Amino acid sequence: MSLYIHTVEAFEDNYIWVLVNESNNQAIVVDPGQADPVAEFLAQKDLELTAIWVTHKHHDHTDGVDALRELFPMTHVVAHTGHDVSPDQTVSEGSTVSAWGYSAQVWDVAGHTENHIAYLLDRDGTKHVFCGDTLFSGGCGRVFSGTIESLFDSLTKFTTLPDDTLFYPAHEYTVHNLKFGLSIVPNDSAMQTALHNAEARRQLNKPTLPVTLAHEKSINVFLRTKDPAVIEGVKAKANLPDTKPLSVFTALRRLKDSF
């Protein structure tokens, strides 16, 4: 079976990820905040939508669900009960979702919102994580209705995955996130290279995503809260009560909120 993952752009910087099974011309979409660009993509590729996976309740991830259901009445909507949609399959931590014989595990990755989940698709020995707004390349989600403690725990949970795991965040925030990271650790060569590469891709209107966990461990300050260089960079900009990873993470998130 030929399974490919495509991006569909929405709003100003959203990515709606589309899993395409070329063997049967079927598709699964993740977080359709807008219906029209998804419908256009499906029509261009002559694809039938069979499922929608939702990661969290924000409108830029859910507003296209009902319209796509009308266009494709057999669509199977997968979501948590707290996602403000009417799911055909209710999922939470430990649930499993099927995709043409492949299995996607559901993880609770709250913090950006409560009840935020991620879908971990295991395909041919590689994990593909549709992480919504929990992890971004070079950054992480802002805390809205979740808590900073749960967001920290969720990112820590992601770091337990294999280094070749691919992450599919829902926004193109990479350049801005890396500029923030360099405001904390200005001389970080890995971050400087990543920023240069990201800017080059954006100039060509190409996505900077997906990214591997190994890459994020190298360039994402929110995953480097034990790194002395990051700790010193935070200390230069904020009052730290201590240097525990959660304290550093909390300070980083506050600094990013006003960056």
C-alpha atoms as a PDB file:
ATOM      1  CA  MET A   1       0.000   0.000   0.000  1.00  0.00           C
ATOM      2  CA  SER A   2       1.238   3.495  -0.896  1.00  0.00           C
ATOM      3  CA  LEU A   3       0.591   5.882   1.991  1.00  0.00           C
ATOM      4  CA  TYR A   4       1.686   9.501   1.677  1.00  0.00           C
ATOM      5  CA  ILE A   5       1.317  12.528   3.939  1.00  0.00           C
ATOM      6  CA  HIS A   6       0.613  15.930   2.382  1.00  0.00           C
ATOM      7  CA  THR A   7       0.094  19.461   3.682  1.00  0.00           C
ATOM      8  CA  VAL A   8      -2.895  21.639   2.918  1.00  0.00           C
ATOM      9  CA  GLU A   9      -2.459  25.278   3.895  1.00  0.00           C
ATOM     10  CA  ALA A  10      -5.254  27.107   5.724  1.00  0.00           C
ATOM     11  CA  PHE A  11      -5.709  30.573   7.223  1.00  0.00           C
ATOM     12  CA  GLU A  12      -2.357  32.387   7.452  1.00  0.00           C
ATOM     13  CA  ASP A  13      -0.126  29.680   8.876  1.00  0.00           C
ATOM     14  CA  ASN A  14      -2.140  26.509   9.583  1.00  0.00           C
ATOM     15  CA  TYR A  15      -1.231  23.151   8.124  1.00  0.00           C
ATOM     16  CA  ILE A  16      -3.954  20.567   7.686  1.00  0.00           C
ATOM     17  CA  TRP A  17      -2.224  17.226   7.303  1.00  0.00           C
ATOM     18  CA  VAL A  18      -3.712  14.766   4.819  1.00  0.00           C
ATOM     19  CA  LEU A  19      -2.914  11.058   4.861  1.00  0.00           C
ATOM     20  CA  VAL A  20      -3.437   9.653   1.366  1.00  0.00           C
ATOM     21  CA  ASN A  21      -3.811   5.991   0.480  1.00  0.00           C
ATOM     22  CA  GLU A  22      -3.009   5.891  -3.232  1.00  0.00           C
ATOM     23  CA  SER A  23      -4.056   2.257  -3.457  1.00  0.00           C
ATOM     24  CA  ASN A  24      -7.744   3.104  -2.988  1.00  0.00           C
ATOM     25  CA  ASN A  25      -7.811   6.920  -3.427  1.00  0.00           C
ATOM     26  CA  GLN A  26      -8.918   7.507   0.147  1.00  0.00           C
ATOM     27  CA  ALA A  27      -7.785  10.181   2.581  1.00  0.00           C
ATOM     28  CA  ILE A  28      -7.734  11.070   6.271  1.00  0.00           C
ATOM     29  CA  VAL A  29      -7.373  14.706   7.351  1.00  0.00           C
ATOM     30  CA  VAL A  30      -6.080  16.022  10.655  1.00  0.00           C
ATOM     31  CA  ASP A  31      -7.491  19.223  12.195  1.00  0.00           C
ATOM     32  CA  PRO A  32      -9.458  20.719   9.284  1.00  0.00           C
ATOM     33  CA  GLY A  33      -9.951  24.291  10.454  1.00  0.00           C
ATOM     34  CA  GLN A  34     -11.218  25.182   6.980  1.00  0.00           C
ATOM     35  CA  ALA A  35     -13.195  22.954   4.643  1.00  0.00           C
ATOM     36  CA  ASP A  36     -12.610  24.671   1.283  1.00  0.00           C
ATOM     37  CA  PRO A  37      -8.852  24.085   0.892  1.00  0.00           C
ATOM     38  CA  VAL A  38      -9.308  20.450   1.924  1.00  0.00           C
ATOM     39  CA  ALA A  39     -12.190  19.953  -0.517  1.00  0.00           C
ATOM     40  CA  GLU A  40     -10.125  21.530  -3.303  1.00  0.00           C
ATOM     41  CA  PHE A  41      -7.170  19.255  -2.571  1.00  0.00           C
ATOM     42  CA  LEU A  42      -9.360  16.148  -2.475  1.00  0.00           C
ATOM     43  CA  ALA A  43     -11.020  17.098  -5.774  1.00  0.00           C
ATOM     44  CA  GLN A  44      -7.666  17.754  -7.466  1.00  0.00           C
ATOM     45  CA  LYS A  45      -6.368  14.366  -6.394  1.00  0.00           C
ATOM     46  CA  ASP A  46      -9.714  12.578  -6.923  1.00  0.00           C
ATOM     47  CA  LEU A  47      -9.740  11.391  -3.318  1.00  0.00           C
ATOM     48  CA  GLU A  48     -12.557  10.263  -1.036  1.00  0.00           C
ATOM     49  CA  LEU A  49     -12.431  11.509   2.548  1.00  0.00           C
ATOM     50  CA  THR A  50     -12.969   8.631   4.963  1.00  0.00           C
ATOM     51  CA  ALA A  51     -11.900  10.049   8.339  1.00  0.00           C
ATOM     52  CA  ILE A  52     -11.098  13.219  10.279  1.00  0.00           C
ATOM     53  CA  TRP A  53      -8.794  13.211  13.302  1.00  0.00           C
ATOM     54  CA  VAL A  54      -9.066  16.140  15.730  1.00  0.00           C
ATOM     55  CA  THR A  55      -6.339  17.052  18.229  1.00  0.00           C
ATOM     56  CA  HIS A  56      -8.047  19.832  20.216  1.00  0.00           C
ATOM     57  CA  LYS A  57     -11.024  22.161  20.399  1.00  0.00           C
ATOM     58  CA  HIS A  58      -9.768  25.428  18.881  1.00  0.00           C
ATOM     59  CA  HIS A  59     -11.782  26.681  15.912  1.00  0.00           C
ATOM     60  CA  ASP A  60      -8.798  26.804  13.563  1.00  0.00           C
ATOM     61  CA  HIS A  61      -8.637  23.027  13.951  1.00  0.00           C
ATOM     62  CA  THR A  62     -12.335  22.139  13.936  1.00  0.00           C
ATOM     63  CA  ASP A  63     -14.377  24.673  11.919  1.00  0.00           C
ATOM     64  CA  GLY A  64     -14.199  22.635   8.704  1.00  0.00           C
ATOM     65  CA  VAL A  65     -15.461  19.395  10.226  1.00  0.00           C
ATOM     66  CA  ASP A  66     -19.201  19.857   9.643  1.00  0.00           C
ATOM     67  CA  ALA A  67     -18.842  21.091   6.058  1.00  0.00           C
ATOM     68  CA  LEU A  68     -16.583  18.176   5.169  1.00  0.00           C
ATOM     69  CA  ARG A  69     -19.082  15.798   6.732  1.00  0.00           C
ATOM     70  CA  GLU A  70     -21.758  17.196   4.418  1.00  0.00           C
ATOM     71  CA  LEU A  71     -19.537  16.719   1.377  1.00  0.00           C
ATOM     72  CA  PHE A  72     -18.454  13.229   2.457  1.00  0.00           C
ATOM     73  CA  PRO A  73     -21.295  11.729   4.556  1.00  0.00           C
ATOM     74  CA  MET A  74     -19.372   8.514   5.267  1.00  0.00           C
ATOM     75  CA  THR A  75     -16.549  10.408   6.987  1.00  0.00           C
ATOM     76  CA  HIS A  76     -15.627   8.946  10.374  1.00  0.00           C
ATOM     77  CA  VAL A  77     -14.814  11.727  12.856  1.00  0.00           C
ATOM     78  CA  VAL A  78     -12.369  10.865  15.642  1.00  0.00           C
ATOM     79  CA  ALA A  79     -12.086  13.235  18.603  1.00  0.00           C
ATOM     80  CA  HIS A  80     -12.115  13.606  22.373  1.00  0.00           C
ATOM     81  CA  THR A  81     -15.446  14.435  24.008  1.00  0.00           C
ATOM     82  CA  GLY A  82     -14.019  17.850  24.928  1.00  0.00           C
ATOM     83  CA  HIS A  83     -13.216  18.907  21.349  1.00  0.00           C
ATOM     84  CA  ASP A  84     -16.579  20.575  20.641  1.00  0.00           C
ATOM     85  CA  VAL A  85     -17.390  18.314  17.699  1.00  0.00           C
ATOM     86  CA  SER A  86     -19.691  15.293  17.520  1.00  0.00           C
ATOM     87  CA  PRO A  87     -17.298  12.372  17.119  1.00  0.00           C
ATOM     88  CA  ASP A  88     -18.183   9.020  15.616  1.00  0.00           C
ATOM     89  CA  GLN A  89     -15.322   7.601  17.655  1.00  0.00           C
ATOM     90  CA  THR A  90     -14.453   9.060  21.044  1.00  0.00           C
ATOM     91  CA  VAL A  91     -10.802   8.717  21.986  1.00  0.00           C
ATOM     92  CA  SER A  92      -8.503   9.545  24.874  1.00  0.00           C
ATOM     93  CA  GLU A  93      -5.154   8.406  26.296  1.00  0.00           C
ATOM     94  CA  GLY A  94      -4.523   4.793  25.301  1.00  0.00           C
ATOM     95  CA  SER A  95      -7.101   4.623  22.512  1.00  0.00           C
ATOM     96  CA  THR A  96      -6.156   3.244  19.113  1.00  0.00           C
ATOM     97  CA  VAL A  97      -7.294   4.484  15.702  1.00  0.00           C
ATOM     98  CA  SER A  98      -7.074   2.463  12.498  1.00  0.00           C
ATOM     99  CA  ALA A  99      -5.804   3.772   9.165  1.00  0.00           C
ATOM    100  CA  TRP A 100      -5.999   1.162   6.390  1.00  0.00           C
ATOM    101  CA  GLY A 101      -4.361  -1.526   8.466  1.00  0.00           C
ATOM    102  CA  TYR A 102      -1.924   0.803  10.183  1.00  0.00           C
ATOM    103  CA  SER A 103      -2.444   1.643  13.838  1.00  0.00           C
ATOM    104  CA  ALA A 104      -2.347   5.100  15.419  1.00  0.00           C
ATOM    105  CA  GLN A 105      -2.017   5.351  19.170  1.00  0.00           C
ATOM    106  CA  VAL A 106      -3.667   8.264  20.990  1.00  0.00           C
ATOM    107  CA  TRP A 107      -1.678  10.163  23.599  1.00  0.00           C
ATOM    108  CA  ASP A 108      -2.901  12.764  26.062  1.00  0.00           C
ATOM    109  CA  VAL A 109      -0.647  15.782  25.458  1.00  0.00           C
ATOM    110  CA  ALA A 110      -2.538  18.491  27.314  1.00  0.00           C
ATOM    111  CA  GLY A 111      -1.168  21.911  28.166  1.00  0.00           C
ATOM    112  CA  HIS A 112      -2.034  24.156  25.226  1.00  0.00           C
ATOM    113  CA  THR A 113      -5.598  23.139  26.056  1.00  0.00           C
ATOM    114  CA  GLU A 114      -7.085  20.528  28.326  1.00  0.00           C
ATOM    115  CA  ASN A 115      -7.932  17.291  26.483  1.00  0.00           C
ATOM    116  CA  HIS A 116      -5.365  17.968  23.752  1.00  0.00           C
ATOM    117  CA  ILE A 117      -4.360  14.688  22.131  1.00  0.00           C
ATOM    118  CA  ALA A 118      -1.820  13.497  19.574  1.00  0.00           C
ATOM    119  CA  TYR A 119      -2.047  10.660  17.080  1.00  0.00           C
ATOM    120  CA  LEU A 120       1.047   8.440  16.778  1.00  0.00           C
ATOM    121  CA  LEU A 121       0.911   6.532  13.515  1.00  0.00           C
ATOM    122  CA  ASP A 122       3.333   3.610  13.324  1.00  0.00           C
ATOM    123  CA  ARG A 123       4.191   3.146   9.665  1.00  0.00           C
ATOM    124  CA  ASP A 124       6.847   0.695   8.544  1.00  0.00           C
ATOM    125  CA  GLY A 125       8.850   1.088  11.741  1.00  0.00           C
ATOM    126  CA  THR A 126       8.731   4.890  11.883  1.00  0.00           C
ATOM    127  CA  LYS A 127       6.417   6.883  14.115  1.00  0.00           C
ATOM    128  CA  HIS A 128       4.548   9.859  12.630  1.00  0.00           C
ATOM    129  CA  VAL A 129       3.120  12.155  15.305  1.00  0.00           C
ATOM    130  CA  PHE A 130       0.259  14.533  14.529  1.00  0.00           C
ATOM    131  CA  CYS A 131       0.771  16.763  17.525  1.00  0.00           C
ATOM    132  CA  GLY A 132      -1.574  19.714  16.873  1.00  0.00           C
ATOM    133  CA  ASP A 133      -0.391  22.738  18.848  1.00  0.00           C
ATOM    134  CA  THR A 134       1.578  20.967  21.582  1.00  0.00           C
ATOM    135  CA  LEU A 135       4.973  20.910  19.847  1.00  0.00           C
ATOM    136  CA  PHE A 136       6.159  23.245  17.106  1.00  0.00           C
ATOM    137  CA  SER A 137       9.512  23.163  15.411  1.00  0.00           C
ATOM    138  CA  GLY A 138      11.719  25.262  17.662  1.00  0.00           C
ATOM    139  CA  GLY A 139       8.861  25.905  20.077  1.00  0.00           C
ATOM    140  CA  CYS A 140       5.712  24.747  21.798  1.00  0.00           C
ATOM    141  CA  GLY A 141       2.106  25.839  22.183  1.00  0.00           C
ATOM    142  CA  ARG A 142       0.992  28.752  24.282  1.00  0.00           C
ATOM    143  CA  VAL A 143      -0.965  27.790  27.406  1.00  0.00           C
ATOM    144  CA  PHE A 144      -4.638  28.660  26.987  1.00  0.00           C
ATOM    145  CA  SER A 145      -7.040  26.412  28.908  1.00  0.00           C
ATOM    146  CA  GLY A 146      -4.391  23.902  29.954  1.00  0.00           C
ATOM    147  CA  THR A 147      -1.583  24.275  32.474  1.00  0.00           C
ATOM    148  CA  ILE A 148       2.133  24.902  32.169  1.00  0.00           C
ATOM    149  CA  GLU A 149       2.828  21.769  34.227  1.00  0.00           C
ATOM    150  CA  SER A 150       0.847  19.536  31.854  1.00  0.00           C
ATOM    151  CA  LEU A 151       2.469  21.144  28.804  1.00  0.00           C
ATOM    152  CA  PHE A 152       5.913  20.446  30.260  1.00  0.00           C
ATOM    153  CA  ASP A 153       4.909  16.852  30.976  1.00  0.00           C
ATOM    154  CA  SER A 154       3.583  16.441  27.424  1.00  0.00           C
ATOM    155  CA  LEU A 155       6.803  17.628  25.820  1.00  0.00           C
ATOM    156  CA  THR A 156       8.819  15.427  28.176  1.00  0.00           C
ATOM    157  CA  LYS A 157       6.638  12.529  27.078  1.00  0.00           C
ATOM    158  CA  PHE A 158       7.436  13.232  23.422  1.00  0.00           C
ATOM    159  CA  THR A 159      11.170  13.049  24.144  1.00  0.00           C
ATOM    160  CA  THR A 160      10.799   9.376  25.109  1.00  0.00           C
ATOM    161  CA  LEU A 161      10.074   8.498  21.472  1.00  0.00           C
ATOM    162  CA  PRO A 162      12.790   7.303  19.051  1.00  0.00           C
ATOM    163  CA  ASP A 163      14.982  10.059  17.598  1.00  0.00           C
ATOM    164  CA  ASP A 164      13.768   9.351  14.050  1.00  0.00           C
ATOM    165  CA  THR A 165      10.148  10.034  15.013  1.00  0.00           C
ATOM    166  CA  LEU A 166       8.582  12.570  12.649  1.00  0.00           C
ATOM    167  CA  PHE A 167       6.426  15.361  14.070  1.00  0.00           C
ATOM    168  CA  TYR A 168       3.692  17.113  12.090  1.00  0.00           C
ATOM    169  CA  PRO A 169       2.782  20.341  13.931  1.00  0.00           C
ATOM    170  CA  ALA A 170      -0.263  22.305  12.791  1.00  0.00           C
ATOM    171  CA  HIS A 171       1.375  25.725  12.293  1.00  0.00           C
ATOM    172  CA  GLU A 172       4.267  27.219  10.357  1.00  0.00           C
ATOM    173  CA  TYR A 173       5.954  28.987  13.274  1.00  0.00           C
ATOM    174  CA  THR A 174       9.487  27.697  12.754  1.00  0.00           C
ATOM    175  CA  VAL A 175      11.289  30.902  11.774  1.00  0.00           C
ATOM    176  CA  HIS A 176       9.803  32.951  14.612  1.00  0.00           C
ATOM    177  CA  ASN A 177      10.458  30.181  17.126  1.00  0.00           C
ATOM    178  CA  LEU A 178      14.103  29.899  16.118  1.00  0.00           C
ATOM    179  CA  LYS A 179      14.556  33.662  16.382  1.00  0.00           C
ATOM    180  CA  PHE A 180      13.234  33.400  19.924  1.00  0.00           C
ATOM    181  CA  GLY A 181      15.596  30.505  20.667  1.00  0.00           C
ATOM    182  CA  LEU A 182      18.527  32.568  19.436  1.00  0.00           C
ATOM    183  CA  SER A 183      17.487  35.406  21.734  1.00  0.00           C
ATOM    184  CA  ILE A 184      18.137  32.953  24.581  1.00  0.00           C
ATOM    185  CA  VAL A 185      21.257  31.263  23.173  1.00  0.00           C
ATOM    186  CA  PRO A 186      22.614  33.699  20.541  1.00  0.00           C
ATOM    187  CA  ASN A 187      25.702  31.705  19.584  1.00  0.00           C
ATOM    188  CA  ASP A 188      24.019  28.319  19.120  1.00  0.00           C
ATOM    189  CA  SER A 189      25.332  27.055  15.778  1.00  0.00           C
ATOM    190  CA  ALA A 190      22.679  24.356  15.337  1.00  0.00           C
ATOM    191  CA  MET A 191      19.929  26.919  15.823  1.00  0.00           C
ATOM    192  CA  GLN A 192      21.613  29.387  13.473  1.00  0.00           C
ATOM    193  CA  THR A 193      21.840  26.746  10.753  1.00  0.00           C
ATOM    194  CA  ALA A 194      18.242  25.681  11.320  1.00  0.00           C
ATOM    195  CA  LEU A 195      17.054  29.295  11.018  1.00  0.00           C
ATOM    196  CA  HIS A 196      18.992  29.789   7.788  1.00  0.00           C
ATOM    197  CA  ASN A 197      17.502  26.604   6.328  1.00  0.00           C
ATOM    198  CA  ALA A 198      13.980  27.452   7.486  1.00  0.00           C
ATOM    199  CA  GLU A 199      14.128  30.938   6.005  1.00  0.00           C
ATOM    200  CA  ALA A 200      15.360  29.508   2.702  1.00  0.00           C
ATOM    201  CA  ARG A 201      12.474  27.057   2.572  1.00  0.00           C
ATOM    202  CA  ARG A 202       9.917  29.742   3.381  1.00  0.00           C
ATOM    203  CA  GLN A 203      11.274  31.995   0.630  1.00  0.00           C
ATOM    204  CA  LEU A 204      10.429  29.144  -1.743  1.00  0.00           C
ATOM    205  CA  ASN A 205       7.011  28.782  -0.068  1.00  0.00           C
ATOM    206  CA  LYS A 206       7.939  25.301   1.128  1.00  0.00           C
ATOM    207  CA  PRO A 207       6.968  23.991   4.582  1.00  0.00           C
ATOM    208  CA  THR A 208       9.635  23.556   7.245  1.00  0.00           C
ATOM    209  CA  LEU A 209       7.753  20.500   8.507  1.00  0.00           C
ATOM    210  CA  PRO A 210       7.701  17.645   9.361  1.00  0.00           C
ATOM    211  CA  VAL A 211      10.737  17.467  11.648  1.00  0.00           C
ATOM    212  CA  THR A 212      12.474  14.661  13.490  1.00  0.00           C
ATOM    213  CA  LEU A 213      12.699  14.438  17.251  1.00  0.00           C
ATOM    214  CA  ALA A 214      16.493  14.396  16.946  1.00  0.00           C
ATOM    215  CA  HIS A 215      16.340  17.760  15.172  1.00  0.00           C
ATOM    216  CA  GLU A 216      14.059  19.237  17.833  1.00  0.00           C
ATOM    217  CA  LYS A 217      16.258  18.017  20.664  1.00  0.00           C
ATOM    218  CA  SER A 218      19.071  19.948  19.019  1.00  0.00           C
ATOM    219  CA  ILE A 219      17.330  23.265  18.211  1.00  0.00           C
ATOM    220  CA  ASN A 220      14.247  23.576  20.436  1.00  0.00           C
ATOM    221  CA  VAL A 221      14.981  25.449  23.679  1.00  0.00           C
ATOM    222  CA  PHE A 222      11.789  24.077  25.234  1.00  0.00           C
ATOM    223  CA  LEU A 223      13.317  20.593  25.009  1.00  0.00           C
ATOM    224  CA  ARG A 224      16.670  21.785  26.389  1.00  0.00           C
ATOM    225  CA  THR A 225      15.680  22.948  29.859  1.00  0.00           C
ATOM    226  CA  LYS A 226      18.641  21.099  31.413  1.00  0.00           C
ATOM    227  CA  ASP A 227      21.158  22.690  29.033  1.00  0.00           C
ATOM    228  CA  PRO A 228      23.476  25.078  30.954  1.00  0.00           C
ATOM    229  CA  ALA A 229      23.554  27.495  27.998  1.00  0.00           C
ATOM    230  CA  VAL A 230      19.763  27.696  27.955  1.00  0.00           C
ATOM    231  CA  ILE A 231      19.593  28.106  31.735  1.00  0.00           C
ATOM    232  CA  GLU A 232      22.110  30.960  31.626  1.00  0.00           C
ATOM    233  CA  GLY A 233      20.226  32.581  28.759  1.00  0.00           C
ATOM    234  CA  VAL A 234      16.991  32.469  30.713  1.00  0.00           C
ATOM    235  CA  LYS A 235      18.676  33.809  33.839  1.00  0.00           C
ATOM    236  CA  ALA A 236      19.819  36.838  31.836  1.00  0.00           C
ATOM    237  CA  LYS A 237      16.221  37.684  30.971  1.00  0.00           C
ATOM    238  CA  ALA A 238      14.074  36.449  33.866  1.00  0.00           C
ATOM    239  CA  ASN A 239      14.155  35.816  37.600  1.00  0.00           C
ATOM    240  CA  LEU A 240      14.438  32.079  38.121  1.00  0.00           C
ATOM    241  CA  PRO A 241      13.430  30.712  41.541  1.00  0.00           C
ATOM    242  CA  ASP A 242      15.645  27.691  40.802  1.00  0.00           C
ATOM    243  CA  THR A 243      17.082  25.837  37.830  1.00  0.00           C
ATOM    244  CA  LYS A 244      14.715  22.886  37.855  1.00  0.00           C
ATOM    245  CA  PRO A 245      13.586  21.988  34.313  1.00  0.00           C
ATOM    246  CA  LEU A 246       9.956  22.996  34.990  1.00  0.00           C
ATOM    247  CA  SER A 247      11.057  26.395  36.309  1.00  0.00           C
ATOM    248  CA  VAL A 248      13.230  26.984  33.243  1.00  0.00           C
ATOM    249  CA  PHE A 249      10.418  25.826  30.962  1.00  0.00           C
ATOM    250  CA  THR A 250       7.900  28.117  32.667  1.00  0.00           C
ATOM    251  CA  ALA A 251      10.236  31.094  32.320  1.00  0.00           C
ATOM    252  CA  LEU A 252      10.858  30.282  28.657  1.00  0.00           C
ATOM    253  CA  ARG A 253       7.147  30.114  27.918  1.00  0.00           C
ATOM    254  CA  ARG A 254       6.560  33.498  29.612  1.00  0.00           C
ATOM    255  CA  LEU A 255       9.416  35.039  27.656  1.00  0.00           C
ATOM    256  CA  LYS A 256       8.082  33.604  24.406  1.00  0.00           C
ATOM    257  CA  ASP A 257       4.588  34.959  25.145  1.00  0.00           C
ATOM    258  CA  SER A 258       5.956  38.488  24.993  1.00  0.00           C
ATOM    259  CA  PHE A 259       8.610  37.969  22.294  1.00  0.00           C
END
